[in-house]
Amino acid sequence: MGIQLNGLHVGTHIQLGGGKDKPVGGTEQPQNDLSVNEEEIKTAVDELNNFIEPLRTDLRFEYHEKLNEYYVTVINPLTEEILKEIPPRKMLDVYAGMAEFMGLLIDNKT
């Protein structure tokens, strides 16, 4: 039982430094465990952290009043910090301002 990451199988037993475990009875038995170095373990841990990183966020749908449209915010649930807005709210504000300005121009010309 274990996880396969970039060709590295991370199971229930990881042996560092390539050495062999000594059995208690004094006789050598064949080992099926994978020997890996510390760099491979660090790489595997980093990949696991990157894999679960999206699980530590919340998605919220927000309503933009002027455009009558929804946009998505990605929020860190621990700090309530907004990590990303899709599309960015500032861009929506600019678009709403331009649409309002264009409406005023058209109304004034007619």
PDB file of N, CA and C in Angstrom:
ATOM      1  N   MET A   1       0.853  -1.180   0.000  1.00  0.00           N
ATOM      2  CA  MET A   1       0.000   0.000   0.000  1.00  0.00           C
ATOM      3  C   MET A   1       0.890   1.231   0.000  1.00  0.00           C
ATOM      4  N   GLY A   2       0.601   2.224  -0.837  1.00  0.00           N
ATOM      5  CA  GLY A   2       1.408   3.427  -0.895  1.00  0.00           C
ATOM      6  C   GLY A   2       0.939   4.339  -2.007  1.00  0.00           C
ATOM      7  N   ILE A   3       1.730   5.357  -2.273  1.00  0.00           N
ATOM      8  CA  ILE A   3       1.417   6.366  -3.277  1.00  0.00           C
ATOM      9  C   ILE A   3       2.539   6.400  -4.296  1.00  0.00           C
ATOM     10  N   GLN A   4       2.199   6.531  -5.570  1.00  0.00           N
ATOM     11  CA  GLN A   4       3.195   6.625  -6.631  1.00  0.00           C
ATOM     12  C   GLN A   4       3.325   8.080  -7.043  1.00  0.00           C
ATOM     13  N   LEU A   5       4.512   8.685  -6.885  1.00  0.00           N
ATOM     14  CA  LEU A   5       4.768  10.068  -7.255  1.00  0.00           C
ATOM     15  C   LEU A   5       6.017  10.132  -8.120  1.00  0.00           C
ATOM     16  N   ASN A   6       5.875  10.576  -9.361  1.00  0.00           N
ATOM     17  CA  ASN A   6       7.019  10.704 -10.268  1.00  0.00           C
ATOM     18  C   ASN A   6       7.903   9.459 -10.264  1.00  0.00           C
ATOM     19  N   GLY A   7       7.313   8.281 -10.319  1.00  0.00           N
ATOM     20  CA  GLY A   7       8.079   7.051 -10.343  1.00  0.00           C
ATOM     21  C   GLY A   7       8.583   6.611  -8.980  1.00  0.00           C
ATOM     22  N   LEU A   8       8.327   7.384  -7.928  1.00  0.00           N
ATOM     23  CA  LEU A   8       8.769   7.046  -6.581  1.00  0.00           C
ATOM     24  C   LEU A   8       7.580   6.508  -5.818  1.00  0.00           C
ATOM     25  N   HIS A   9       7.688   5.289  -5.352  1.00  0.00           N
ATOM     26  CA  HIS A   9       6.608   4.679  -4.585  1.00  0.00           C
ATOM     27  C   HIS A   9       6.834   4.977  -3.112  1.00  0.00           C
ATOM     28  N   VAL A  10       5.897   5.713  -2.514  1.00  0.00           N
ATOM     29  CA  VAL A  10       5.996   6.034  -1.089  1.00  0.00           C
ATOM     30  C   VAL A  10       5.028   5.116  -0.370  1.00  0.00           C
ATOM     31  N   GLY A  11       5.562   4.165   0.375  1.00  0.00           N
ATOM     32  CA  GLY A  11       4.732   3.185   1.055  1.00  0.00           C
ATOM     33  C   GLY A  11       4.773   3.351   2.547  1.00  0.00           C
ATOM     34  N   THR A  12       4.560   2.233   3.242  1.00  0.00           N
ATOM     35  CA  THR A  12       4.528   2.277   4.697  1.00  0.00           C
ATOM     36  C   THR A  12       5.920   2.256   5.314  1.00  0.00           C
ATOM     37  N   HIS A  13       6.948   1.896   4.526  1.00  0.00           N
ATOM     38  CA  HIS A  13       8.307   1.828   5.073  1.00  0.00           C
ATOM     39  C   HIS A  13       9.263   2.479   4.086  1.00  0.00           C
ATOM     40  N   ILE A  14       9.990   3.481   4.550  1.00  0.00           N
ATOM     41  CA  ILE A  14      11.001   4.125   3.724  1.00  0.00           C
ATOM     42  C   ILE A  14      12.315   4.028   4.466  1.00  0.00           C
ATOM     43  N   GLN A  15      13.332   3.558   3.776  1.00  0.00           N
ATOM     44  CA  GLN A  15      14.640   3.377   4.381  1.00  0.00           C
ATOM     45  C   GLN A  15      15.579   4.427   3.800  1.00  0.00           C
ATOM     46  N   LEU A  16      16.226   5.199   4.649  1.00  0.00           N
ATOM     47  CA  LEU A  16      17.126   6.251   4.199  1.00  0.00           C
ATOM     48  C   LEU A  16      18.542   5.729   4.031  1.00  0.00           C
ATOM     49  N   GLY A  17      19.290   6.306   3.100  1.00  0.00           N
ATOM     50  CA  GLY A  17      20.711   6.048   2.962  1.00  0.00           C
ATOM     51  C   GLY A  17      21.073   4.755   2.269  1.00  0.00           C
ATOM     52  N   GLY A  18      20.144   3.974   1.812  1.00  0.00           N
ATOM     53  CA  GLY A  18      20.454   2.777   1.061  1.00  0.00           C
ATOM     54  C   GLY A  18      20.943   1.608   1.909  1.00  0.00           C
ATOM     55  N   GLY A  19      20.975   1.724   3.236  1.00  0.00           N
ATOM     56  CA  GLY A  19      21.426   0.625   4.088  1.00  0.00           C
ATOM     57  C   GLY A  19      20.363  -0.446   4.192  1.00  0.00           C
ATOM     58  N   LYS A  20      20.736  -1.594   4.777  1.00  0.00           N
ATOM     59  CA  LYS A  20      19.777  -2.688   4.929  1.00  0.00           C
ATOM     60  C   LYS A  20      19.390  -2.827   6.388  1.00  0.00           C
ATOM     61  N   ASP A  21      18.132  -3.184   6.625  1.00  0.00           N
ATOM     62  CA  ASP A  21      17.680  -3.467   7.979  1.00  0.00           C
ATOM     63  C   ASP A  21      18.252  -4.817   8.415  1.00  0.00           C
ATOM     64  N   LYS A  22      18.640  -4.918   9.673  1.00  0.00           N
ATOM     65  CA  LYS A  22      19.130  -6.180  10.221  1.00  0.00           C
ATOM     66  C   LYS A  22      17.973  -6.896  10.901  1.00  0.00           C
ATOM     67  N   PRO A  23      17.644  -8.115  10.484  1.00  0.00           N
ATOM     68  CA  PRO A  23      16.573  -8.844  11.151  1.00  0.00           C
ATOM     69  C   PRO A  23      16.979  -9.255  12.556  1.00  0.00           C
ATOM     70  N   VAL A  24      16.000  -9.451  13.434  1.00  0.00           N
ATOM     71  CA  VAL A  24      16.245  -9.752  14.832  1.00  0.00           C
ATOM     72  C   VAL A  24      16.909 -11.115  15.003  1.00  0.00           C
ATOM     73  N   GLY A  25      16.575 -12.099  14.204  1.00  0.00           N
ATOM     74  CA  GLY A  25      17.096 -13.455  14.368  1.00  0.00           C
ATOM     75  C   GLY A  25      18.539 -13.616  13.928  1.00  0.00           C
ATOM     76  N   GLY A  26      19.166 -12.622  13.354  1.00  0.00           N
ATOM     77  CA  GLY A  26      20.544 -12.716  12.939  1.00  0.00           C
ATOM     78  C   GLY A  26      20.712 -13.262  11.528  1.00  0.00           C
ATOM     79  N   THR A  27      19.639 -13.690  10.877  1.00  0.00           N
ATOM     80  CA  THR A  27      19.745 -14.196   9.508  1.00  0.00           C
ATOM     81  C   THR A  27      19.197 -13.150   8.559  1.00  0.00           C
ATOM     82  N   GLU A  28      19.831 -13.025   7.416  1.00  0.00           N
ATOM     83  CA  GLU A  28      19.390 -12.059   6.399  1.00  0.00           C
ATOM     84  C   GLU A  28      18.167 -12.610   5.675  1.00  0.00           C
ATOM     85  N   GLN A  29      17.171 -11.779   5.495  1.00  0.00           N
ATOM     86  CA  GLN A  29      15.995 -12.135   4.716  1.00  0.00           C
ATOM     87  C   GLN A  29      15.886 -11.151   3.564  1.00  0.00           C
ATOM     88  N   PRO A  30      15.355 -11.580   2.432  1.00  0.00           N
ATOM     89  CA  PRO A  30      15.212 -10.648   1.307  1.00  0.00           C
ATOM     90  C   PRO A  30      14.301  -9.477   1.681  1.00  0.00           C
ATOM     91  N   GLN A  31      14.714  -8.291   1.270  1.00  0.00           N
ATOM     92  CA  GLN A  31      13.952  -7.086   1.570  1.00  0.00           C
ATOM     93  C   GLN A  31      13.153  -6.665   0.343  1.00  0.00           C
ATOM     94  N   ASN A  32      11.886  -6.349   0.537  1.00  0.00           N
ATOM     95  CA  ASN A  32      11.042  -5.836  -0.540  1.00  0.00           C
ATOM     96  C   ASN A  32      10.835  -4.340  -0.405  1.00  0.00           C
ATOM     97  N   ASP A  33      11.420  -3.729   0.651  1.00  0.00           N
ATOM     98  CA  ASP A  33      11.248  -2.305   0.897  1.00  0.00           C
ATOM     99  C   ASP A  33      12.081  -1.499  -0.081  1.00  0.00           C
ATOM    100  N   LEU A  34      11.627  -0.312  -0.382  1.00  0.00           N
ATOM    101  CA  LEU A  34      12.316   0.580  -1.296  1.00  0.00           C
ATOM    102  C   LEU A  34      13.266   1.473  -0.517  1.00  0.00           C
ATOM    103  N   SER A  35      14.500   1.558  -0.956  1.00  0.00           N
ATOM    104  CA  SER A  35      15.471   2.445  -0.331  1.00  0.00           C
ATOM    105  C   SER A  35      15.520   3.732  -1.141  1.00  0.00           C
ATOM    106  N   VAL A  36      15.354   4.880  -0.467  1.00  0.00           N
ATOM    107  CA  VAL A  36      15.378   6.175  -1.138  1.00  0.00           C
ATOM    108  C   VAL A  36      16.273   7.123  -0.358  1.00  0.00           C
ATOM    109  N   ASN A  37      16.766   8.147  -1.037  1.00  0.00           N
ATOM    110  CA  ASN A  37      17.579   9.129  -0.320  1.00  0.00           C
ATOM    111  C   ASN A  37      16.696  10.271   0.167  1.00  0.00           C
ATOM    112  N   GLU A  38      17.264  11.130   0.978  1.00  0.00           N
ATOM    113  CA  GLU A  38      16.497  12.221   1.591  1.00  0.00           C
ATOM    114  C   GLU A  38      15.953  13.192   0.558  1.00  0.00           C
ATOM    115  N   GLU A  39      16.692  13.412  -0.537  1.00  0.00           N
ATOM    116  CA  GLU A  39      16.235  14.327  -1.573  1.00  0.00           C
ATOM    117  C   GLU A  39      14.948  13.813  -2.228  1.00  0.00           C
ATOM    118  N   GLU A  40      14.872  12.504  -2.448  1.00  0.00           N
ATOM    119  CA  GLU A  40      13.663  11.921  -3.029  1.00  0.00           C
ATOM    120  C   GLU A  40      12.481  12.062  -2.077  1.00  0.00           C
ATOM    121  N   ILE A  41      12.738  11.943  -0.780  1.00  0.00           N
ATOM    122  CA  ILE A  41      11.664  12.100   0.202  1.00  0.00           C
ATOM    123  C   ILE A  41      11.178  13.538   0.216  1.00  0.00           C
ATOM    124  N   LYS A  42      12.117  14.495   0.196  1.00  0.00           N
ATOM    125  CA  LYS A  42      11.727  15.904   0.174  1.00  0.00           C
ATOM    126  C   LYS A  42      10.909  16.218  -1.073  1.00  0.00           C
ATOM    127  N   THR A  43      11.319  15.663  -2.206  1.00  0.00           N
ATOM    128  CA  THR A  43      10.582  15.873  -3.458  1.00  0.00           C
ATOM    129  C   THR A  43       9.174  15.295  -3.345  1.00  0.00           C
ATOM    130  N   ALA A  44       9.065  14.084  -2.789  1.00  0.00           N
ATOM    131  CA  ALA A  44       7.757  13.443  -2.640  1.00  0.00           C
ATOM    132  C   ALA A  44       6.856  14.243  -1.701  1.00  0.00           C
ATOM    133  N   VAL A  45       7.418  14.746  -0.609  1.00  0.00           N
ATOM    134  CA  VAL A  45       6.634  15.538   0.353  1.00  0.00           C
ATOM    135  C   VAL A  45       6.177  16.837  -0.296  1.00  0.00           C
ATOM    136  N   ASP A  46       7.062  17.492  -1.051  1.00  0.00           N
ATOM    137  CA  ASP A  46       6.677  18.721  -1.746  1.00  0.00           C
ATOM    138  C   ASP A  46       5.547  18.450  -2.735  1.00  0.00           C
ATOM    139  N   GLU A  47       5.629  17.339  -3.454  1.00  0.00           N
ATOM    140  CA  GLU A  47       4.569  16.999  -4.404  1.00  0.00           C
ATOM    141  C   GLU A  47       3.257  16.704  -3.697  1.00  0.00           C
ATOM    142  N   LEU A  48       3.329  16.037  -2.558  1.00  0.00           N
ATOM    143  CA  LEU A  48       2.103  15.792  -1.787  1.00  0.00           C
ATOM    144  C   LEU A  48       1.494  17.095  -1.295  1.00  0.00           C
ATOM    145  N   ASN A  49       2.335  18.004  -0.804  1.00  0.00           N
ATOM    146  CA  ASN A  49       1.834  19.305  -0.344  1.00  0.00           C
ATOM    147  C   ASN A  49       1.199  20.074  -1.497  1.00  0.00           C
ATOM    148  N   ASN A  50       1.833  20.048  -2.670  1.00  0.00           N
ATOM    149  CA  ASN A  50       1.253  20.720  -3.830  1.00  0.00           C
ATOM    150  C   ASN A  50      -0.048  20.070  -4.259  1.00  0.00           C
ATOM    151  N   PHE A  51      -0.139  18.742  -4.102  1.00  0.00           N
ATOM    152  CA  PHE A  51      -1.351  18.017  -4.477  1.00  0.00           C
ATOM    153  C   PHE A  51      -2.530  18.397  -3.588  1.00  0.00           C
ATOM    154  N   ILE A  52      -2.293  18.544  -2.282  1.00  0.00           N
ATOM    155  CA  ILE A  52      -3.405  18.843  -1.365  1.00  0.00           C
ATOM    156  C   ILE A  52      -3.627  20.334  -1.168  1.00  0.00           C
ATOM    157  N   GLU A  53      -2.753  21.182  -1.711  1.00  0.00           N
ATOM    158  CA  GLU A  53      -2.891  22.634  -1.540  1.00  0.00           C
ATOM    159  C   GLU A  53      -4.274  23.144  -1.961  1.00  0.00           C
ATOM    160  N   PRO A  54      -4.821  22.703  -3.101  1.00  0.00           N
ATOM    161  CA  PRO A  54      -6.148  23.212  -3.472  1.00  0.00           C
ATOM    162  C   PRO A  54      -7.250  22.853  -2.481  1.00  0.00           C
ATOM    163  N   LEU A  55      -7.028  21.843  -1.671  1.00  0.00           N
ATOM    164  CA  LEU A  55      -8.042  21.448  -0.701  1.00  0.00           C
ATOM    165  C   LEU A  55      -8.148  22.432   0.457  1.00  0.00           C
ATOM    166  N   ARG A  56      -7.161  23.304   0.605  1.00  0.00           N
ATOM    167  CA  ARG A  56      -7.159  24.264   1.711  1.00  0.00           C
ATOM    168  C   ARG A  56      -7.742  25.611   1.294  1.00  0.00           C
ATOM    169  N   THR A  57      -8.578  25.636   0.301  1.00  0.00           N
ATOM    170  CA  THR A  57      -9.175  26.882  -0.149  1.00  0.00           C
ATOM    171  C   THR A  57     -10.681  26.719  -0.282  1.00  0.00           C
ATOM    172  N   ASP A  58     -11.354  27.839  -0.267  1.00  0.00           N
ATOM    173  CA  ASP A  58     -12.797  27.860  -0.478  1.00  0.00           C
ATOM    174  C   ASP A  58     -13.086  28.636  -1.740  1.00  0.00           C
ATOM    175  N   LEU A  59     -14.104  28.230  -2.457  1.00  0.00           N
ATOM    176  CA  LEU A  59     -14.593  28.979  -3.611  1.00  0.00           C
ATOM    177  C   LEU A  59     -15.899  29.649  -3.212  1.00  0.00           C
ATOM    178  N   ARG A  60     -16.024  30.899  -3.583  1.00  0.00           N
ATOM    179  CA  ARG A  60     -17.272  31.625  -3.316  1.00  0.00           C
ATOM    180  C   ARG A  60     -17.699  32.347  -4.581  1.00  0.00           C
ATOM    181  N   PHE A  61     -18.966  32.369  -4.822  1.00  0.00           N
ATOM    182  CA  PHE A  61     -19.513  33.091  -5.956  1.00  0.00           C
ATOM    183  C   PHE A  61     -20.041  34.424  -5.449  1.00  0.00           C
ATOM    184  N   GLU A  62     -19.514  35.500  -6.017  1.00  0.00           N
ATOM    185  CA  GLU A  62     -19.887  36.857  -5.608  1.00  0.00           C
ATOM    186  C   GLU A  62     -20.682  37.503  -6.731  1.00  0.00           C
ATOM    187  N   TYR A  63     -21.581  38.395  -6.356  1.00  0.00           N
ATOM    188  CA  TYR A  63     -22.434  39.087  -7.322  1.00  0.00           C
ATOM    189  C   TYR A  63     -21.920  40.504  -7.535  1.00  0.00           C
ATOM    190  N   HIS A  64     -21.707  40.883  -8.791  1.00  0.00           N
ATOM    191  CA  HIS A  64     -21.280  42.244  -9.127  1.00  0.00           C
ATOM    192  C   HIS A  64     -22.545  43.044  -9.433  1.00  0.00           C
ATOM    193  N   GLU A  65     -22.835  44.017  -8.586  1.00  0.00           N
ATOM    194  CA  GLU A  65     -24.091  44.765  -8.665  1.00  0.00           C
ATOM    195  C   GLU A  65     -24.275  45.502  -9.995  1.00  0.00           C
ATOM    196  N   LYS A  66     -23.247  46.208 -10.463  1.00  0.00           N
ATOM    197  CA  LYS A  66     -23.393  47.042 -11.651  1.00  0.00           C
ATOM    198  C   LYS A  66     -23.548  46.223 -12.928  1.00  0.00           C
ATOM    199  N   LEU A  67     -22.898  45.060 -12.981  1.00  0.00           N
ATOM    200  CA  LEU A  67     -22.944  44.235 -14.191  1.00  0.00           C
ATOM    201  C   LEU A  67     -24.022  43.157 -14.131  1.00  0.00           C
ATOM    202  N   ASN A  68     -24.581  42.927 -12.959  1.00  0.00           N
ATOM    203  CA  ASN A  68     -25.548  41.850 -12.769  1.00  0.00           C
ATOM    204  C   ASN A  68     -24.954  40.506 -13.195  1.00  0.00           C
ATOM    205  N   GLU A  69     -23.697  40.297 -12.843  1.00  0.00           N
ATOM    206  CA  GLU A  69     -22.966  39.073 -13.181  1.00  0.00           C
ATOM    207  C   GLU A  69     -22.290  38.530 -11.926  1.00  0.00           C
ATOM    208  N   TYR A  70     -22.007  37.244 -11.954  1.00  0.00           N
ATOM    209  CA  TYR A  70     -21.285  36.602 -10.858  1.00  0.00           C
ATOM    210  C   TYR A  70     -19.827  36.412 -11.236  1.00  0.00           C
ATOM    211  N   TYR A  71     -18.955  36.439 -10.225  1.00  0.00           N
ATOM    212  CA  TYR A  71     -17.548  36.107 -10.384  1.00  0.00           C
ATOM    213  C   TYR A  71     -17.144  35.229  -9.214  1.00  0.00           C
ATOM    214  N   VAL A  72     -16.001  34.566  -9.337  1.00  0.00           N
ATOM    215  CA  VAL A  72     -15.559  33.592  -8.341  1.00  0.00           C
ATOM    216  C   VAL A  72     -14.406  34.166  -7.530  1.00  0.00           C
ATOM    217  N   THR A  73     -14.437  33.953  -6.223  1.00  0.00           N
ATOM    218  CA  THR A  73     -13.301  34.303  -5.381  1.00  0.00           C
ATOM    219  C   THR A  73     -12.769  33.021  -4.738  1.00  0.00           C
ATOM    220  N   VAL A  74     -11.452  32.897  -4.708  1.00  0.00           N
ATOM    221  CA  VAL A  74     -10.773  31.784  -4.034  1.00  0.00           C
ATOM    222  C   VAL A  74     -10.231  32.355  -2.731  1.00  0.00           C
ATOM    223  N   ILE A  75     -10.640  31.749  -1.613  1.00  0.00           N
ATOM    224  CA  ILE A  75     -10.364  32.314  -0.290  1.00  0.00           C
ATOM    225  C   ILE A  75      -9.648  31.290   0.586  1.00  0.00           C
ATOM    226  N   ASN A  76      -8.648  31.759   1.334  1.00  0.00           N
ATOM    227  CA  ASN A  76      -7.990  30.936   2.341  1.00  0.00           C
ATOM    228  C   ASN A  76      -8.947  30.848   3.528  1.00  0.00           C
ATOM    229  N   PRO A  77      -9.438  29.658   3.865  1.00  0.00           N
ATOM    230  CA  PRO A  77     -10.447  29.550   4.924  1.00  0.00           C
ATOM    231  C   PRO A  77      -9.909  29.873   6.322  1.00  0.00           C
ATOM    232  N   LEU A  78      -8.599  29.789   6.516  1.00  0.00           N
ATOM    233  CA  LEU A  78      -8.033  30.066   7.839  1.00  0.00           C
ATOM    234  C   LEU A  78      -7.939  31.560   8.117  1.00  0.00           C
ATOM    235  N   THR A  79      -7.585  32.347   7.094  1.00  0.00           N
ATOM    236  CA  THR A  79      -7.385  33.788   7.287  1.00  0.00           C
ATOM    237  C   THR A  79      -8.455  34.642   6.627  1.00  0.00           C
ATOM    238  N   GLU A  80      -9.344  34.016   5.853  1.00  0.00           N
ATOM    239  CA  GLU A  80     -10.371  34.719   5.083  1.00  0.00           C
ATOM    240  C   GLU A  80      -9.755  35.678   4.057  1.00  0.00           C
ATOM    241  N   GLU A  81      -8.498  35.459   3.708  1.00  0.00           N
ATOM    242  CA  GLU A  81      -7.812  36.282   2.708  1.00  0.00           C
ATOM    243  C   GLU A  81      -8.245  35.852   1.313  1.00  0.00           C
ATOM    244  N   ILE A  82      -8.532  36.831   0.457  1.00  0.00           N
ATOM    245  CA  ILE A  82      -8.882  36.538  -0.929  1.00  0.00           C
ATOM    246  C   ILE A  82      -7.599  36.241  -1.682  1.00  0.00           C
ATOM    247  N   LEU A  83      -7.485  35.014  -2.196  1.00  0.00           N
ATOM    248  CA  LEU A  83      -6.296  34.597  -2.923  1.00  0.00           C
ATOM    249  C   LEU A  83      -6.386  34.947  -4.403  1.00  0.00           C
ATOM    250  N   LYS A  84      -7.575  34.840  -4.973  1.00  0.00           N
ATOM    251  CA  LYS A  84      -7.741  35.093  -6.398  1.00  0.00           C
ATOM    252  C   LYS A  84      -9.201  35.402  -6.671  1.00  0.00           C
ATOM    253  N   GLU A  85      -9.418  36.258  -7.654  1.00  0.00           N
ATOM    254  CA  GLU A  85     -10.759  36.548  -8.143  1.00  0.00           C
ATOM    255  C   GLU A  85     -10.772  36.222  -9.629  1.00  0.00           C
ATOM    256  N   ILE A  86     -11.808  35.524 -10.071  1.00  0.00           N
ATOM    257  CA  ILE A  86     -11.902  35.118 -11.464  1.00  0.00           C
ATOM    258  C   ILE A  86     -13.248  35.560 -12.014  1.00  0.00           C
ATOM    259  N   PRO A  87     -13.309  36.486 -12.952  1.00  0.00           N
ATOM    260  CA  PRO A  87     -12.259  37.416 -13.351  1.00  0.00           C
ATOM    261  C   PRO A  87     -12.024  38.429 -12.229  1.00  0.00           C
ATOM    262  N   PRO A  88     -10.903  39.146 -12.266  1.00  0.00           N
ATOM    263  CA  PRO A  88     -10.607  40.102 -11.189  1.00  0.00           C
ATOM    264  C   PRO A  88     -11.697  41.171 -11.061  1.00  0.00           C
ATOM    265  N   ARG A  89     -12.077  41.472  -9.828  1.00  0.00           N
ATOM    266  CA  ARG A  89     -13.137  42.450  -9.572  1.00  0.00           C
ATOM    267  C   ARG A  89     -12.775  43.822 -10.147  1.00  0.00           C
ATOM    268  N   LYS A  90     -11.508  44.210 -10.075  1.00  0.00           N
ATOM    269  CA  LYS A  90     -11.103  45.510 -10.620  1.00  0.00           C
ATOM    270  C   LYS A  90     -11.392  45.589 -12.111  1.00  0.00           C
ATOM    271  N   MET A  91     -11.150  44.480 -12.817  1.00  0.00           N
ATOM    272  CA  MET A  91     -11.439  44.460 -14.249  1.00  0.00           C
ATOM    273  C   MET A  91     -12.944  44.594 -14.492  1.00  0.00           C
ATOM    274  N   LEU A  92     -13.741  43.955 -13.670  1.00  0.00           N
ATOM    275  CA  LEU A  92     -15.192  44.075 -13.798  1.00  0.00           C
ATOM    276  C   LEU A  92     -15.646  45.499 -13.500  1.00  0.00           C
ATOM    277  N   ASP A  93     -15.021  46.146 -12.494  1.00  0.00           N
ATOM    278  CA  ASP A  93     -15.351  47.531 -12.177  1.00  0.00           C
ATOM    279  C   ASP A  93     -15.026  48.455 -13.346  1.00  0.00           C
ATOM    280  N   VAL A  94     -13.870  48.237 -13.986  1.00  0.00           N
ATOM    281  CA  VAL A  94     -13.474  49.047 -15.145  1.00  0.00           C
ATOM    282  C   VAL A  94     -14.462  48.828 -16.282  1.00  0.00           C
ATOM    283  N   TYR A  95     -14.814  47.582 -16.524  1.00  0.00           N
ATOM    284  CA  TYR A  95     -15.766  47.268 -17.589  1.00  0.00           C
ATOM    285  C   TYR A  95     -17.124  47.921 -17.318  1.00  0.00           C
ATOM    286  N   ALA A  96     -17.566  47.861 -16.068  1.00  0.00           N
ATOM    287  CA  ALA A  96     -18.846  48.476 -15.712  1.00  0.00           C
ATOM    288  C   ALA A  96     -18.774  49.990 -15.903  1.00  0.00           C
ATOM    289  N   GLY A  97     -17.640  50.592 -15.523  1.00  0.00           N
ATOM    290  CA  GLY A  97     -17.479  52.035 -15.713  1.00  0.00           C
ATOM    291  C   GLY A  97     -17.479  52.412 -17.185  1.00  0.00           C
ATOM    292  N   MET A  98     -16.805  51.617 -18.009  1.00  0.00           N
ATOM    293  CA  MET A  98     -16.783  51.885 -19.457  1.00  0.00           C
ATOM    294  C   MET A  98     -18.173  51.729 -20.059  1.00  0.00           C
ATOM    295  N   ALA A  99     -18.891  50.700 -19.646  1.00  0.00           N
ATOM    296  CA  ALA A  99     -20.242  50.476 -20.166  1.00  0.00           C
ATOM    297  C   ALA A  99     -21.156  51.631 -19.761  1.00  0.00           C
ATOM    298  N   GLU A 100     -21.002  52.121 -18.539  1.00  0.00           N
ATOM    299  CA  GLU A 100     -21.812  53.255 -18.087  1.00  0.00           C
ATOM    300  C   GLU A 100     -21.461  54.515 -18.875  1.00  0.00           C
ATOM    301  N   PHE A 101     -20.163  54.737 -19.098  1.00  0.00           N
ATOM    302  CA  PHE A 101     -19.716  55.898 -19.861  1.00  0.00           C
ATOM    303  C   PHE A 101     -20.214  55.834 -21.306  1.00  0.00           C
ATOM    304  N   MET A 102     -20.147  54.649 -21.915  1.00  0.00           N
ATOM    305  CA  MET A 102     -20.632  54.481 -23.288  1.00  0.00           C
ATOM    306  C   MET A 102     -22.134  54.744 -23.346  1.00  0.00           C
ATOM    307  N   GLY A 103     -22.840  54.332 -22.343  1.00  0.00           N
ATOM    308  CA  GLY A 103     -24.281  54.582 -22.295  1.00  0.00           C
ATOM    309  C   GLY A 103     -24.558  56.081 -22.206  1.00  0.00           C
ATOM    310  N   LEU A 104     -23.755  56.825 -21.433  1.00  0.00           N
ATOM    311  CA  LEU A 104     -23.932  58.270 -21.342  1.00  0.00           C
ATOM    312  C   LEU A 104     -23.612  58.942 -22.665  1.00  0.00           C
ATOM    313  N   LEU A 105     -22.575  58.480 -23.348  1.00  0.00           N
ATOM    314  CA  LEU A 105     -22.211  59.061 -24.653  1.00  0.00           C
ATOM    315  C   LEU A 105     -23.313  58.847 -25.675  1.00  0.00           C
ATOM    316  N   ILE A 106     -23.834  57.658 -25.706  1.00  0.00           N
ATOM    317  CA  ILE A 106     -24.892  57.348 -26.676  1.00  0.00           C
ATOM    318  C   ILE A 106     -26.150  58.156 -26.357  1.00  0.00           C
ATOM    319  N   ASP A 107     -26.502  58.264 -25.090  1.00  0.00           N
ATOM    320  CA  ASP A 107     -27.697  59.021 -24.695  1.00  0.00           C
ATOM    321  C   ASP A 107     -27.518  60.503 -25.017  1.00  0.00           C
ATOM    322  N   ASN A 108     -26.331  61.059 -24.834  1.00  0.00           N
ATOM    323  CA  ASN A 108     -26.089  62.478 -25.092  1.00  0.00           C
ATOM    324  C   ASN A 108     -26.074  62.790 -26.588  1.00  0.00           C
ATOM    325  N   LYS A 109     -25.642  61.859 -27.423  1.00  0.00           N
ATOM    326  CA  LYS A 109     -25.571  62.097 -28.870  1.00  0.00           C
ATOM    327  C   LYS A 109     -26.948  62.051 -29.518  1.00  0.00           C
ATOM    328  N   THR A 110     -27.895  61.361 -28.971  1.00  0.00           N
ATOM    329  CA  THR A 110     -29.205  61.248 -29.617  1.00  0.00           C
ATOM    330  C   THR A 110     -30.140  62.327 -29.255  1.00  0.00           C
TER     331      THR A 110
END
